[in-house]
Amino acid sequence: MKKHSTYFFILLFALLLTRPIFAQSIQFSDWVDPDLQNQQPLTQITSLNSTTYHDIVVIATDYGENTLLPSWFNDLMGGTALHDFFYAATFGNFNYDFYLLKADATHAFEMPTPYTPPFDGTCQHVHLLSNITAVLQAADDIYNFQNYDFDSDGVVYVHFASIGLHSGGVVSQCLTYTSDDTMPDGTHIIIKVRRQTRGSGPEVFKSVFYHESGHDFFSFPDMNHSGANDYNHYGIGAFDVMCGGGFQGQPSPYNPVSRYLKGWFNPIQITSSQNGVELKDFQMNSQCYVYSPSSLPSNSLSDENQFLVG
């Protein structure tokens, strides 16, 4: 992903004058293939005139772990929490739907080989590829993948998720599996694993899920780097799930600047002499002010902006 020529500095004021904020960093390791990040697989949609994305989520557990799905997972995947997060984060511009593939009504698939993720920035960053293949084979025996080929192109993108002792994620098309299921012309359905999520508990599972989806759906970069990397962004901590951050253990939405760059809302331009500016809660009101300084230090970029939200 190329660097943006415009650097943005975010000033986040989350009602500091009225109540304290308790921030908690949610730590996990992720790896993103930069050559894949801008190639969004938004083909699993109802029509080209809508933005309802159909995610195919295959859920597994580590070898030897209890495959009974915990209550927190059933609460998350059984309600509207995932849809509501993406709908609110995009201000209604992205509808998320998903199909959960599991071993039976109450159990996840079990990965057949013990594995401790190396977190080494490879395709096996968080899952052993042979484990993913084995789970897909088990799912293939139960489910007809043709039912999930919404655009009839013979390809189904899969989000491989697991519950276990470690937490992390991957965005990379590391694995392709040929299903036993076929199209009407006899061509076998191809399964491509685009995203991988691992979570050891409810908050970190959600954070990794939203974080990796931010990479894959919207091409959002990581926001927790120190500057010595391709993206050259600086961490904003708990204010953005792309940092793995959250408040009181809950993952945060995507930051206002990223959402502005996607065209999901229009900030209000203000000047240095303007009085009576009221900061409202950004998440509730989608209100954000942007200020373009009239003069800048000599070592600043010429198109610097400041975003202010409540």
C-alpha atoms as a PDB file:
ATOM      1  CA  MET A   1       0.000   0.000   0.000  1.00  0.00           C
ATOM      2  CA  LYS A   2       1.407   3.370  -0.961  1.00  0.00           C
ATOM      3  CA  LYS A   3       1.891   6.121   1.547  1.00  0.00           C
ATOM      4  CA  HIS A   4      -0.651   8.929   1.584  1.00  0.00           C
ATOM      5  CA  SER A   5       0.841  12.306   0.729  1.00  0.00           C
ATOM      6  CA  THR A   6      -1.402  13.894   3.338  1.00  0.00           C
ATOM      7  CA  TYR A   7      -0.579  13.260   6.976  1.00  0.00           C
ATOM      8  CA  PHE A   8      -3.360  13.756   9.467  1.00  0.00           C
ATOM      9  CA  PHE A   9      -3.085  14.587  13.111  1.00  0.00           C
ATOM     10  CA  ILE A  10      -6.066  13.537  15.161  1.00  0.00           C
ATOM     11  CA  LEU A  11      -7.108  15.313  18.317  1.00  0.00           C
ATOM     12  CA  LEU A  12      -9.569  13.100  20.112  1.00  0.00           C
ATOM     13  CA  PHE A  13     -11.552  14.611  22.960  1.00  0.00           C
ATOM     14  CA  ALA A  14     -13.861  11.935  24.363  1.00  0.00           C
ATOM     15  CA  LEU A  15     -15.853  13.961  26.881  1.00  0.00           C
ATOM     16  CA  LEU A  16     -12.817  14.411  29.087  1.00  0.00           C
ATOM     17  CA  LEU A  17     -14.475  17.237  31.008  1.00  0.00           C
ATOM     18  CA  THR A  18     -17.483  15.220  32.055  1.00  0.00           C
ATOM     19  CA  ARG A  19     -16.280  11.722  32.840  1.00  0.00           C
ATOM     20  CA  PRO A  20     -13.024   9.756  33.030  1.00  0.00           C
ATOM     21  CA  ILE A  21     -11.986   7.391  30.260  1.00  0.00           C
ATOM     22  CA  PHE A  22     -10.688   3.937  31.006  1.00  0.00           C
ATOM     23  CA  ALA A  23      -8.574   2.647  28.153  1.00  0.00           C
ATOM     24  CA  GLN A  24      -7.415  -0.902  27.810  1.00  0.00           C
ATOM     25  CA  SER A  25      -5.040  -2.094  25.126  1.00  0.00           C
ATOM     26  CA  ILE A  26      -6.074  -5.383  23.529  1.00  0.00           C
ATOM     27  CA  GLN A  27      -2.910  -7.086  22.326  1.00  0.00           C
ATOM     28  CA  PHE A  28      -2.647  -9.498  19.423  1.00  0.00           C
ATOM     29  CA  SER A  29      -0.368 -10.147  16.476  1.00  0.00           C
ATOM     30  CA  ASP A  30      -1.445  -9.759  12.870  1.00  0.00           C
ATOM     31  CA  TRP A  31       0.149 -10.010   9.456  1.00  0.00           C
ATOM     32  CA  VAL A  32      -1.109  -8.444   6.238  1.00  0.00           C
ATOM     33  CA  ASP A  33       0.037  -9.214   2.723  1.00  0.00           C
ATOM     34  CA  PRO A  34       0.450  -5.691   1.246  1.00  0.00           C
ATOM     35  CA  ASP A  35      -0.035  -6.977  -2.304  1.00  0.00           C
ATOM     36  CA  LEU A  36      -3.445  -8.342  -1.354  1.00  0.00           C
ATOM     37  CA  GLN A  37      -4.769  -5.586   0.850  1.00  0.00           C
ATOM     38  CA  ASN A  38      -6.106  -3.379  -1.940  1.00  0.00           C
ATOM     39  CA  GLN A  39      -7.725  -6.257  -3.817  1.00  0.00           C
ATOM     40  CA  GLN A  40     -10.966  -6.386  -1.895  1.00  0.00           C
ATOM     41  CA  PRO A  41     -13.088  -9.509  -2.445  1.00  0.00           C
ATOM     42  CA  LEU A  42     -16.354  -7.583  -2.474  1.00  0.00           C
ATOM     43  CA  THR A  43     -17.940 -10.048  -4.872  1.00  0.00           C
ATOM     44  CA  GLN A  44     -19.973 -11.876  -2.238  1.00  0.00           C
ATOM     45  CA  ILE A  45     -22.732  -9.259  -2.379  1.00  0.00           C
ATOM     46  CA  THR A  46     -26.416  -9.366  -3.223  1.00  0.00           C
ATOM     47  CA  SER A  47     -25.971  -7.118  -6.249  1.00  0.00           C
ATOM     48  CA  LEU A  48     -23.481  -4.600  -7.572  1.00  0.00           C
ATOM     49  CA  ASN A  49     -25.816  -1.798  -6.479  1.00  0.00           C
ATOM     50  CA  SER A  50     -25.700  -2.803  -2.823  1.00  0.00           C
ATOM     51  CA  THR A  51     -22.959  -3.152  -0.263  1.00  0.00           C
ATOM     52  CA  THR A  52     -24.260  -6.138   1.657  1.00  0.00           C
ATOM     53  CA  TYR A  53     -21.299  -8.437   2.104  1.00  0.00           C
ATOM     54  CA  HIS A  54     -21.856 -12.115   2.808  1.00  0.00           C
ATOM     55  CA  ASP A  55     -19.011 -13.461   4.915  1.00  0.00           C
ATOM     56  CA  ILE A  56     -18.467 -17.209   5.179  1.00  0.00           C
ATOM     57  CA  VAL A  57     -17.012 -17.849   8.654  1.00  0.00           C
ATOM     58  CA  VAL A  58     -15.643 -21.306   9.458  1.00  0.00           C
ATOM     59  CA  ILE A  59     -15.088 -21.756  13.190  1.00  0.00           C
ATOM     60  CA  ALA A  60     -12.600 -24.202  14.729  1.00  0.00           C
ATOM     61  CA  THR A  61     -10.790 -24.854  17.987  1.00  0.00           C
ATOM     62  CA  ASP A  62      -7.235 -25.941  18.700  1.00  0.00           C
ATOM     63  CA  TYR A  63      -6.421 -29.613  18.950  1.00  0.00           C
ATOM     64  CA  GLY A  64      -7.366 -30.990  22.354  1.00  0.00           C
ATOM     65  CA  GLU A  65      -9.472 -27.977  23.331  1.00  0.00           C
ATOM     66  CA  ASN A  66     -13.163 -28.159  24.175  1.00  0.00           C
ATOM     67  CA  THR A  67     -15.067 -27.836  20.887  1.00  0.00           C
ATOM     68  CA  LEU A  68     -18.305 -26.797  22.622  1.00  0.00           C
ATOM     69  CA  LEU A  69     -18.822 -23.192  21.574  1.00  0.00           C
ATOM     70  CA  PRO A  70     -18.754 -20.879  24.627  1.00  0.00           C
ATOM     71  CA  SER A  71     -21.726 -18.732  25.511  1.00  0.00           C
ATOM     72  CA  TRP A  72     -19.887 -15.499  24.633  1.00  0.00           C
ATOM     73  CA  PHE A  73     -19.289 -16.785  21.101  1.00  0.00           C
ATOM     74  CA  ASN A  74     -22.921 -17.783  20.680  1.00  0.00           C
ATOM     75  CA  ASP A  75     -24.005 -14.361  21.942  1.00  0.00           C
ATOM     76  CA  LEU A  76     -21.680 -12.644  19.464  1.00  0.00           C
ATOM     77  CA  MET A  77     -22.512 -14.771  16.432  1.00  0.00           C
ATOM     78  CA  GLY A  78     -26.142 -15.374  17.255  1.00  0.00           C
ATOM     79  CA  GLY A  79     -27.290 -11.772  17.329  1.00  0.00           C
ATOM     80  CA  THR A  80     -26.718  -8.551  15.401  1.00  0.00           C
ATOM     81  CA  ALA A  81     -23.458  -7.468  17.063  1.00  0.00           C
ATOM     82  CA  LEU A  82     -21.244  -7.997  13.990  1.00  0.00           C
ATOM     83  CA  HIS A  83     -23.672  -6.341  11.593  1.00  0.00           C
ATOM     84  CA  ASP A  84     -24.233  -3.435  13.976  1.00  0.00           C
ATOM     85  CA  PHE A  85     -20.507  -2.779  14.408  1.00  0.00           C
ATOM     86  CA  PHE A  86     -19.816  -2.483  10.675  1.00  0.00           C
ATOM     87  CA  TYR A  87     -23.034  -0.552  10.006  1.00  0.00           C
ATOM     88  CA  ALA A  88     -22.262   1.976  12.738  1.00  0.00           C
ATOM     89  CA  ALA A  89     -18.549   2.223  11.876  1.00  0.00           C
ATOM     90  CA  THR A  90     -19.348   3.022   8.228  1.00  0.00           C
ATOM     91  CA  PHE A  91     -22.321   5.264   9.033  1.00  0.00           C
ATOM     92  CA  GLY A  92     -24.656   2.936   7.175  1.00  0.00           C
ATOM     93  CA  ASN A  93     -22.452   2.467   4.116  1.00  0.00           C
ATOM     94  CA  PHE A  94     -21.644  -1.216   4.648  1.00  0.00           C
ATOM     95  CA  ASN A  95     -24.065  -3.972   5.524  1.00  0.00           C
ATOM     96  CA  TYR A  96     -22.438  -7.083   6.922  1.00  0.00           C
ATOM     97  CA  ASP A  97     -24.009 -10.518   6.856  1.00  0.00           C
ATOM     98  CA  PHE A  98     -22.403 -13.859   7.600  1.00  0.00           C
ATOM     99  CA  TYR A  99     -22.914 -17.600   7.453  1.00  0.00           C
ATOM    100  CA  LEU A 100     -21.352 -19.584  10.280  1.00  0.00           C
ATOM    101  CA  LEU A 101     -20.032 -23.026   9.359  1.00  0.00           C
ATOM    102  CA  LYS A 102     -19.478 -25.284  12.369  1.00  0.00           C
ATOM    103  CA  ALA A 103     -19.295 -29.003  13.140  1.00  0.00           C
ATOM    104  CA  ASP A 104     -22.856 -29.129  14.471  1.00  0.00           C
ATOM    105  CA  ALA A 105     -25.352 -26.860  16.179  1.00  0.00           C
ATOM    106  CA  THR A 106     -23.229 -26.375  19.309  1.00  0.00           C
ATOM    107  CA  HIS A 107     -19.675 -27.404  18.410  1.00  0.00           C
ATOM    108  CA  ALA A 108     -16.793 -25.990  16.394  1.00  0.00           C
ATOM    109  CA  PHE A 109     -14.569 -28.060  14.162  1.00  0.00           C
ATOM    110  CA  GLU A 110     -11.391 -29.330  15.815  1.00  0.00           C
ATOM    111  CA  MET A 111      -8.018 -28.774  14.188  1.00  0.00           C
ATOM    112  CA  PRO A 112      -6.272 -32.171  14.051  1.00  0.00           C
ATOM    113  CA  THR A 113      -2.685 -31.126  14.849  1.00  0.00           C
ATOM    114  CA  PRO A 114      -1.320 -29.255  17.896  1.00  0.00           C
ATOM    115  CA  TYR A 115       0.172 -25.903  16.898  1.00  0.00           C
ATOM    116  CA  THR A 116       1.710 -22.948  18.678  1.00  0.00           C
ATOM    117  CA  PRO A 117       1.561 -19.913  16.354  1.00  0.00           C
ATOM    118  CA  PRO A 118       5.030 -18.534  15.584  1.00  0.00           C
ATOM    119  CA  PHE A 119       3.703 -15.033  14.749  1.00  0.00           C
ATOM    120  CA  ASP A 120       6.453 -14.832  12.161  1.00  0.00           C
ATOM    121  CA  GLY A 121       4.765 -12.926   9.334  1.00  0.00           C
ATOM    122  CA  THR A 122       4.212 -15.947   7.095  1.00  0.00           C
ATOM    123  CA  CYS A 123       1.112 -17.710   5.829  1.00  0.00           C
ATOM    124  CA  GLN A 124       1.232 -19.871   8.973  1.00  0.00           C
ATOM    125  CA  HIS A 125       1.379 -16.814  11.203  1.00  0.00           C
ATOM    126  CA  VAL A 126      -1.526 -18.021  13.366  1.00  0.00           C
ATOM    127  CA  HIS A 127      -2.789 -21.304  11.859  1.00  0.00           C
ATOM    128  CA  LEU A 128      -1.088 -24.368  10.450  1.00  0.00           C
ATOM    129  CA  LEU A 129      -2.230 -24.548   6.826  1.00  0.00           C
ATOM    130  CA  SER A 130      -2.718 -28.295   7.026  1.00  0.00           C
ATOM    131  CA  ASN A 131      -5.102 -27.709   9.943  1.00  0.00           C
ATOM    132  CA  ILE A 132      -7.128 -25.257   7.862  1.00  0.00           C
ATOM    133  CA  THR A 133      -7.260 -27.728   4.984  1.00  0.00           C
ATOM    134  CA  ALA A 134      -8.447 -30.521   7.290  1.00  0.00           C
ATOM    135  CA  VAL A 135     -11.215 -28.335   8.712  1.00  0.00           C
ATOM    136  CA  LEU A 136     -12.322 -27.259   5.232  1.00  0.00           C
ATOM    137  CA  GLN A 137     -12.490 -30.914   4.218  1.00  0.00           C
ATOM    138  CA  ALA A 138     -14.690 -31.623   7.243  1.00  0.00           C
ATOM    139  CA  ALA A 139     -16.891 -28.641   6.398  1.00  0.00           C
ATOM    140  CA  ASP A 140     -17.066 -29.800   2.785  1.00  0.00           C
ATOM    141  CA  ASP A 141     -18.626 -33.065   3.986  1.00  0.00           C
ATOM    142  CA  ILE A 142     -21.403 -31.132   5.737  1.00  0.00           C
ATOM    143  CA  TYR A 143     -22.033 -28.007   3.674  1.00  0.00           C
ATOM    144  CA  ASN A 144     -22.665 -27.383  -0.007  1.00  0.00           C
ATOM    145  CA  PHE A 145     -20.339 -24.518  -0.881  1.00  0.00           C
ATOM    146  CA  GLN A 146     -22.278 -23.809  -4.043  1.00  0.00           C
ATOM    147  CA  ASN A 147     -24.904 -22.233  -1.768  1.00  0.00           C
ATOM    148  CA  TYR A 148     -22.347 -19.574  -0.827  1.00  0.00           C
ATOM    149  CA  ASP A 149     -21.213 -18.733  -4.365  1.00  0.00           C
ATOM    150  CA  PHE A 150     -23.386 -15.628  -4.504  1.00  0.00           C
ATOM    151  CA  ASP A 151     -21.952 -14.234  -7.732  1.00  0.00           C
ATOM    152  CA  SER A 152     -21.747 -17.639  -9.483  1.00  0.00           C
ATOM    153  CA  ASP A 153     -18.056 -17.257 -10.331  1.00  0.00           C
ATOM    154  CA  GLY A 154     -17.049 -20.592  -8.837  1.00  0.00           C
ATOM    155  CA  VAL A 155     -15.053 -18.987  -5.998  1.00  0.00           C
ATOM    156  CA  VAL A 156     -16.056 -18.662  -2.340  1.00  0.00           C
ATOM    157  CA  TYR A 157     -13.976 -16.538   0.039  1.00  0.00           C
ATOM    158  CA  VAL A 158     -13.756 -17.898   3.568  1.00  0.00           C
ATOM    159  CA  HIS A 159     -12.925 -16.262   6.881  1.00  0.00           C
ATOM    160  CA  PHE A 160     -11.229 -18.942   8.983  1.00  0.00           C
ATOM    161  CA  ALA A 161     -11.696 -18.256  12.694  1.00  0.00           C
ATOM    162  CA  SER A 162     -10.652 -20.163  15.786  1.00  0.00           C
ATOM    163  CA  ILE A 163     -10.922 -20.093  19.549  1.00  0.00           C
ATOM    164  CA  GLY A 164      -7.851 -21.176  21.470  1.00  0.00           C
ATOM    165  CA  LEU A 165      -4.981 -20.135  23.699  1.00  0.00           C
ATOM    166  CA  HIS A 166      -3.459 -17.538  21.347  1.00  0.00           C
ATOM    167  CA  SER A 167      -4.671 -14.388  19.615  1.00  0.00           C
ATOM    168  CA  GLY A 168      -3.776 -13.009  16.213  1.00  0.00           C
ATOM    169  CA  GLY A 169      -4.841 -12.604  12.622  1.00  0.00           C
ATOM    170  CA  VAL A 170      -3.819 -12.804   8.981  1.00  0.00           C
ATOM    171  CA  VAL A 171      -4.991 -11.133   5.785  1.00  0.00           C
ATOM    172  CA  SER A 172      -3.467 -13.034   2.894  1.00  0.00           C
ATOM    173  CA  GLN A 173      -4.697 -15.475   0.311  1.00  0.00           C
ATOM    174  CA  CYS A 174      -2.499 -18.241   1.632  1.00  0.00           C
ATOM    175  CA  LEU A 175      -4.664 -21.244   0.951  1.00  0.00           C
ATOM    176  CA  THR A 176      -6.841 -22.465  -1.909  1.00  0.00           C
ATOM    177  CA  TYR A 177      -8.976 -25.568  -1.510  1.00  0.00           C
ATOM    178  CA  THR A 178     -10.967 -27.356  -4.210  1.00  0.00           C
ATOM    179  CA  SER A 179     -14.369 -28.357  -2.907  1.00  0.00           C
ATOM    180  CA  ASP A 180     -16.244 -31.537  -3.792  1.00  0.00           C
ATOM    181  CA  ASP A 181     -19.203 -29.294  -4.597  1.00  0.00           C
ATOM    182  CA  THR A 182     -19.741 -28.222  -8.180  1.00  0.00           C
ATOM    183  CA  MET A 183     -21.385 -25.558 -10.271  1.00  0.00           C
ATOM    184  CA  PRO A 184     -24.155 -26.522 -12.727  1.00  0.00           C
ATOM    185  CA  ASP A 185     -21.542 -27.054 -15.454  1.00  0.00           C
ATOM    186  CA  GLY A 186     -19.633 -29.532 -13.268  1.00  0.00           C
ATOM    187  CA  THR A 187     -16.815 -27.144 -12.342  1.00  0.00           C
ATOM    188  CA  HIS A 188     -15.675 -27.579  -8.756  1.00  0.00           C
ATOM    189  CA  ILE A 189     -16.137 -24.692  -6.321  1.00  0.00           C
ATOM    190  CA  ILE A 190     -12.817 -23.151  -5.258  1.00  0.00           C
ATOM    191  CA  ILE A 191     -12.451 -22.052  -1.630  1.00  0.00           C
ATOM    192  CA  LYS A 192     -10.024 -19.212  -0.919  1.00  0.00           C
ATOM    193  CA  VAL A 193      -9.123 -18.322   2.659  1.00  0.00           C
ATOM    194  CA  ARG A 194      -8.627 -14.542   2.772  1.00  0.00           C
ATOM    195  CA  ARG A 195      -8.783 -13.779   6.469  1.00  0.00           C
ATOM    196  CA  GLN A 196      -7.776 -15.646   9.592  1.00  0.00           C
ATOM    197  CA  THR A 197      -8.842 -14.751  13.122  1.00  0.00           C
ATOM    198  CA  ARG A 198      -7.675 -16.295  16.391  1.00  0.00           C
ATOM    199  CA  GLY A 199      -9.083 -15.193  19.727  1.00  0.00           C
ATOM    200  CA  SER A 200      -8.638 -16.455  23.257  1.00  0.00           C
ATOM    201  CA  GLY A 201     -11.693 -14.666  24.617  1.00  0.00           C
ATOM    202  CA  PRO A 202     -14.623 -12.436  23.640  1.00  0.00           C
ATOM    203  CA  GLU A 203     -12.953  -9.013  23.566  1.00  0.00           C
ATOM    204  CA  VAL A 204      -9.788 -10.075  21.767  1.00  0.00           C
ATOM    205  CA  PHE A 205     -11.743 -12.272  19.330  1.00  0.00           C
ATOM    206  CA  LYS A 206     -13.922  -9.314  18.361  1.00  0.00           C
ATOM    207  CA  SER A 207     -10.909  -7.016  18.126  1.00  0.00           C
ATOM    208  CA  VAL A 208      -9.027  -9.356  15.794  1.00  0.00           C
ATOM    209  CA  PHE A 209     -12.205  -9.962  13.765  1.00  0.00           C
ATOM    210  CA  TYR A 210     -12.837  -6.237  13.262  1.00  0.00           C
ATOM    211  CA  HIS A 211      -9.138  -5.458  12.780  1.00  0.00           C
ATOM    212  CA  GLU A 212      -8.563  -8.010  10.026  1.00  0.00           C
ATOM    213  CA  SER A 213     -11.857  -7.049   8.397  1.00  0.00           C
ATOM    214  CA  GLY A 214     -10.696  -3.423   8.412  1.00  0.00           C
ATOM    215  CA  HIS A 215      -7.646  -4.494   6.405  1.00  0.00           C
ATOM    216  CA  ASP A 216      -9.596  -6.688   4.011  1.00  0.00           C
ATOM    217  CA  PHE A 217     -12.851  -4.814   3.476  1.00  0.00           C
ATOM    218  CA  PHE A 218     -11.618  -1.238   3.603  1.00  0.00           C
ATOM    219  CA  SER A 219      -7.819  -1.390   3.026  1.00  0.00           C
ATOM    220  CA  PHE A 220      -7.203   0.272   6.398  1.00  0.00           C
ATOM    221  CA  PRO A 221      -3.554   0.132   7.510  1.00  0.00           C
ATOM    222  CA  ASP A 222      -2.310  -0.750  10.949  1.00  0.00           C
ATOM    223  CA  MET A 223      -2.307   2.375  13.117  1.00  0.00           C
ATOM    224  CA  ASN A 224       0.039   1.268  15.884  1.00  0.00           C
ATOM    225  CA  HIS A 225       3.389   1.596  14.159  1.00  0.00           C
ATOM    226  CA  SER A 226       6.204   3.877  15.256  1.00  0.00           C
ATOM    227  CA  GLY A 227       6.978   5.313  11.848  1.00  0.00           C
ATOM    228  CA  ALA A 228       9.793   3.047  10.668  1.00  0.00           C
ATOM    229  CA  ASN A 229       7.717   1.030   8.209  1.00  0.00           C
ATOM    230  CA  ASP A 230       5.823   1.211   4.921  1.00  0.00           C
ATOM    231  CA  TYR A 231       2.746   2.877   6.377  1.00  0.00           C
ATOM    232  CA  ASN A 232       4.572   5.391   8.581  1.00  0.00           C
ATOM    233  CA  HIS A 233       1.587   5.975  10.847  1.00  0.00           C
ATOM    234  CA  TYR A 234       1.802   6.761  14.523  1.00  0.00           C
ATOM    235  CA  GLY A 235      -0.146   4.935  17.143  1.00  0.00           C
ATOM    236  CA  ILE A 236      -3.424   6.327  18.409  1.00  0.00           C
ATOM    237  CA  GLY A 237      -3.865   3.544  20.901  1.00  0.00           C
ATOM    238  CA  ALA A 238      -7.301   2.789  22.259  1.00  0.00           C
ATOM    239  CA  PHE A 239      -9.050   5.139  19.833  1.00  0.00           C
ATOM    240  CA  ASP A 240      -8.929   2.707  16.902  1.00  0.00           C
ATOM    241  CA  VAL A 241      -9.372  -1.049  16.580  1.00  0.00           C
ATOM    242  CA  MET A 242      -6.695  -0.907  13.884  1.00  0.00           C
ATOM    243  CA  CYS A 243      -4.341  -0.423  16.835  1.00  0.00           C
ATOM    244  CA  GLY A 244      -5.945  -3.320  18.651  1.00  0.00           C
ATOM    245  CA  GLY A 245      -7.178  -0.818  21.222  1.00  0.00           C
ATOM    246  CA  GLY A 246     -10.407  -0.453  23.103  1.00  0.00           C
ATOM    247  CA  PHE A 247     -12.213   1.095  26.039  1.00  0.00           C
ATOM    248  CA  GLN A 248     -13.029  -0.963  29.116  1.00  0.00           C
ATOM    249  CA  GLY A 249     -12.102  -4.085  27.165  1.00  0.00           C
ATOM    250  CA  GLN A 250     -14.360  -3.345  24.196  1.00  0.00           C
ATOM    251  CA  PRO A 251     -12.827  -2.830  20.720  1.00  0.00           C
ATOM    252  CA  SER A 252     -13.067   0.720  19.406  1.00  0.00           C
ATOM    253  CA  PRO A 253     -14.472   1.672  15.986  1.00  0.00           C
ATOM    254  CA  TYR A 254     -12.250   2.810  13.131  1.00  0.00           C
ATOM    255  CA  ASN A 255     -10.799   6.277  13.627  1.00  0.00           C
ATOM    256  CA  PRO A 256     -12.513   9.357  12.117  1.00  0.00           C
ATOM    257  CA  VAL A 257      -9.769  10.129   9.579  1.00  0.00           C
ATOM    258  CA  SER A 258      -9.904   6.638   8.077  1.00  0.00           C
ATOM    259  CA  ARG A 259     -13.677   6.904   7.836  1.00  0.00           C
ATOM    260  CA  TYR A 260     -13.417  10.349   6.251  1.00  0.00           C
ATOM    261  CA  LEU A 261     -10.987   9.027   3.620  1.00  0.00           C
ATOM    262  CA  LYS A 262     -13.574   6.372   2.686  1.00  0.00           C
ATOM    263  CA  GLY A 263     -16.160   9.120   2.116  1.00  0.00           C
ATOM    264  CA  TRP A 264     -18.496   7.941   4.871  1.00  0.00           C
ATOM    265  CA  PHE A 265     -19.057  11.427   6.318  1.00  0.00           C
ATOM    266  CA  ASN A 266     -18.186  15.064   5.639  1.00  0.00           C
ATOM    267  CA  PRO A 267     -16.255  16.995   8.314  1.00  0.00           C
ATOM    268  CA  ILE A 268     -17.115  20.620   9.102  1.00  0.00           C
ATOM    269  CA  GLN A 269     -14.417  23.136   8.207  1.00  0.00           C
ATOM    270  CA  ILE A 270     -13.545  25.599  10.968  1.00  0.00           C
ATOM    271  CA  THR A 271     -11.154  28.552  11.276  1.00  0.00           C
ATOM    272  CA  SER A 272      -8.809  29.661  14.039  1.00  0.00           C
ATOM    273  CA  SER A 273     -11.031  32.649  14.872  1.00  0.00           C
ATOM    274  CA  GLN A 274     -14.267  30.672  15.087  1.00  0.00           C
ATOM    275  CA  ASN A 275     -16.047  30.723  18.453  1.00  0.00           C
ATOM    276  CA  GLY A 276     -18.793  28.630  19.954  1.00  0.00           C
ATOM    277  CA  VAL A 277     -17.784  25.277  18.425  1.00  0.00           C
ATOM    278  CA  GLU A 278     -19.585  22.473  20.227  1.00  0.00           C
ATOM    279  CA  LEU A 279     -17.985  19.045  20.271  1.00  0.00           C
ATOM    280  CA  LYS A 280     -20.562  16.270  20.073  1.00  0.00           C
ATOM    281  CA  ASP A 281     -20.017  12.565  20.397  1.00  0.00           C
ATOM    282  CA  PHE A 282     -18.636  11.465  17.041  1.00  0.00           C
ATOM    283  CA  GLN A 283     -19.948   7.930  17.174  1.00  0.00           C
ATOM    284  CA  MET A 284     -23.484   9.086  17.926  1.00  0.00           C
ATOM    285  CA  ASN A 285     -23.619  12.211  15.733  1.00  0.00           C
ATOM    286  CA  SER A 286     -20.922  11.645  13.048  1.00  0.00           C
ATOM    287  CA  GLN A 287     -19.834  15.211  13.738  1.00  0.00           C
ATOM    288  CA  CYS A 288     -16.197  16.040  13.128  1.00  0.00           C
ATOM    289  CA  TYR A 289     -14.413  19.359  12.626  1.00  0.00           C
ATOM    290  CA  VAL A 290     -11.372  19.840  10.444  1.00  0.00           C
ATOM    291  CA  TYR A 291      -8.948  22.748  10.751  1.00  0.00           C
ATOM    292  CA  SER A 292      -6.330  23.640   8.142  1.00  0.00           C
ATOM    293  CA  PRO A 293      -3.629  25.829   9.749  1.00  0.00           C
ATOM    294  CA  SER A 294      -2.874  29.016   7.841  1.00  0.00           C
ATOM    295  CA  SER A 295       0.823  28.690   8.633  1.00  0.00           C
ATOM    296  CA  LEU A 296       3.017  25.743   9.519  1.00  0.00           C
ATOM    297  CA  PRO A 297       6.571  25.178  10.733  1.00  0.00           C
ATOM    298  CA  SER A 298       9.139  24.728   8.001  1.00  0.00           C
ATOM    299  CA  ASN A 299       9.475  21.006   8.701  1.00  0.00           C
ATOM    300  CA  SER A 300       5.723  20.350   8.281  1.00  0.00           C
ATOM    301  CA  LEU A 301       3.926  19.121   5.213  1.00  0.00           C
ATOM    302  CA  SER A 302       1.981  21.743   3.318  1.00  0.00           C
ATOM    303  CA  ASP A 303      -1.391  19.983   3.416  1.00  0.00           C
ATOM    304  CA  GLU A 304      -1.556  19.168   7.117  1.00  0.00           C
ATOM    305  CA  ASN A 305      -4.991  19.038   8.737  1.00  0.00           C
ATOM    306  CA  GLN A 306      -6.246  18.669  12.278  1.00  0.00           C
ATOM    307  CA  PHE A 307      -9.393  16.690  13.040  1.00  0.00           C
ATOM    308  CA  LEU A 308     -11.338  17.389  16.221  1.00  0.00           C
ATOM    309  CA  VAL A 309     -14.074  15.131  17.495  1.00  0.00           C
ATOM    310  CA  GLY A 310     -15.972  14.645  20.727  1.00  0.00           C
END
